[in-house]
Amino acid sequence: MKVFIEKENKQVVLDKECTAKELLIELGINATTVILVKNNETILLDEKLSKDDEVRILSVVSGG
């Protein structure tokens, strides 16, 4: 799967299947600080990811 990490502006390619939560754990990313997009659709942490998916990990920005 192709994974784009917005915060680091980098793309990694992984040859595995896992859940979105497992992906974040492997990459050392806190799930509360990002939004996950798989194939142009927002997903939840329990979503299964396959080798053919394109995933974007987008930073959550808040202000006040």
C-alpha atoms as a PDB file:
ATOM      1  CA  MET A   1       0.000   0.000   0.000  1.00  0.00           C
ATOM      2  CA  LYS A   2       1.085   3.545  -0.635  1.00  0.00           C
ATOM      3  CA  VAL A   3       1.002   5.736   2.468  1.00  0.00           C
ATOM      4  CA  PHE A   4       1.428   9.509   2.343  1.00  0.00           C
ATOM      5  CA  ILE A   5       2.251  11.160   5.674  1.00  0.00           C
ATOM      6  CA  GLU A   6       1.306  14.824   5.387  1.00  0.00           C
ATOM      7  CA  LYS A   7       3.150  16.050   8.498  1.00  0.00           C
ATOM      8  CA  GLU A   8       6.466  14.687   7.235  1.00  0.00           C
ATOM      9  CA  ASN A   9       5.631  15.269   3.551  1.00  0.00           C
ATOM     10  CA  LYS A  10       6.801  11.774   2.662  1.00  0.00           C
ATOM     11  CA  GLN A  11       5.438   8.650   1.061  1.00  0.00           C
ATOM     12  CA  VAL A  12       6.179   5.102   2.115  1.00  0.00           C
ATOM     13  CA  VAL A  13       5.246   1.849   0.428  1.00  0.00           C
ATOM     14  CA  LEU A  14       4.308  -1.142   2.554  1.00  0.00           C
ATOM     15  CA  ASP A  15       3.710  -4.673   1.278  1.00  0.00           C
ATOM     16  CA  LYS A  16       1.252  -5.801   3.939  1.00  0.00           C
ATOM     17  CA  GLU A  17      -2.351  -5.869   5.028  1.00  0.00           C
ATOM     18  CA  CYS A  18      -3.425  -4.480   8.397  1.00  0.00           C
ATOM     19  CA  THR A  19      -5.980  -2.253  10.082  1.00  0.00           C
ATOM     20  CA  ALA A  20      -5.633   1.521  10.072  1.00  0.00           C
ATOM     21  CA  LYS A  21      -4.861   1.402  13.809  1.00  0.00           C
ATOM     22  CA  GLU A  22      -2.062  -1.138  13.295  1.00  0.00           C
ATOM     23  CA  LEU A  23      -0.601   1.070  10.555  1.00  0.00           C
ATOM     24  CA  LEU A  24      -0.478   4.100  12.847  1.00  0.00           C
ATOM     25  CA  ILE A  25       1.126   2.072  15.642  1.00  0.00           C
ATOM     26  CA  GLU A  26       3.788   0.786  13.240  1.00  0.00           C
ATOM     27  CA  LEU A  27       4.529   4.304  12.022  1.00  0.00           C
ATOM     28  CA  GLY A  28       4.572   5.727  15.569  1.00  0.00           C
ATOM     29  CA  ILE A  29       1.720   8.147  14.904  1.00  0.00           C
ATOM     30  CA  ASN A  30      -0.812   9.150  17.579  1.00  0.00           C
ATOM     31  CA  ALA A  31      -4.296   8.328  16.260  1.00  0.00           C
ATOM     32  CA  THR A  32      -5.854  11.367  17.970  1.00  0.00           C
ATOM     33  CA  THR A  33      -3.746  13.782  15.925  1.00  0.00           C
ATOM     34  CA  VAL A  34      -4.618  12.576  12.417  1.00  0.00           C
ATOM     35  CA  ILE A  35      -7.402  11.831   9.964  1.00  0.00           C
ATOM     36  CA  LEU A  36      -7.050   8.773   7.750  1.00  0.00           C
ATOM     37  CA  VAL A  37      -8.148   8.758   4.119  1.00  0.00           C
ATOM     38  CA  LYS A  38      -8.210   5.528   2.097  1.00  0.00           C
ATOM     39  CA  ASN A  39      -8.812   5.773  -1.649  1.00  0.00           C
ATOM     40  CA  ASN A  40     -10.270   9.299  -1.184  1.00  0.00           C
ATOM     41  CA  GLU A  41     -12.684   8.309   1.626  1.00  0.00           C
ATOM     42  CA  THR A  42     -12.283   9.102   5.323  1.00  0.00           C
ATOM     43  CA  ILE A  43     -11.975   5.909   7.376  1.00  0.00           C
ATOM     44  CA  LEU A  44     -12.075   4.757  10.997  1.00  0.00           C
ATOM     45  CA  LEU A  45      -9.283   2.999  12.886  1.00  0.00           C
ATOM     46  CA  ASP A  46     -10.812  -0.484  12.536  1.00  0.00           C
ATOM     47  CA  GLU A  47     -10.882  -0.256   8.716  1.00  0.00           C
ATOM     48  CA  LYS A  48      -8.926  -3.005   6.969  1.00  0.00           C
ATOM     49  CA  LEU A  49      -6.193  -1.872   4.594  1.00  0.00           C
ATOM     50  CA  SER A  50      -4.963  -3.963   1.670  1.00  0.00           C
ATOM     51  CA  LYS A  51      -1.772  -3.894  -0.377  1.00  0.00           C
ATOM     52  CA  ASP A  52      -3.543  -2.074  -3.227  1.00  0.00           C
ATOM     53  CA  ASP A  53      -4.857   0.837  -1.126  1.00  0.00           C
ATOM     54  CA  GLU A  54      -3.654   4.419  -1.193  1.00  0.00           C
ATOM     55  CA  VAL A  55      -3.733   5.910   2.296  1.00  0.00           C
ATOM     56  CA  ARG A  56      -3.190   9.514   3.320  1.00  0.00           C
ATOM     57  CA  ILE A  57      -2.471  10.409   6.934  1.00  0.00           C
ATOM     58  CA  LEU A  58      -3.559  14.023   7.375  1.00  0.00           C
ATOM     59  CA  SER A  59      -2.729  16.198  10.385  1.00  0.00           C
ATOM     60  CA  VAL A  60      -5.614  17.601  12.410  1.00  0.00           C
ATOM     61  CA  VAL A  61      -5.325  21.348  12.797  1.00  0.00           C
ATOM     62  CA  SER A  62      -7.313  23.248  15.400  1.00  0.00           C
ATOM     63  CA  GLY A  63      -7.243  26.786  16.551  1.00  0.00           C
ATOM     64  CA  GLY A  64      -9.067  29.201  18.690  1.00  0.00           C
END
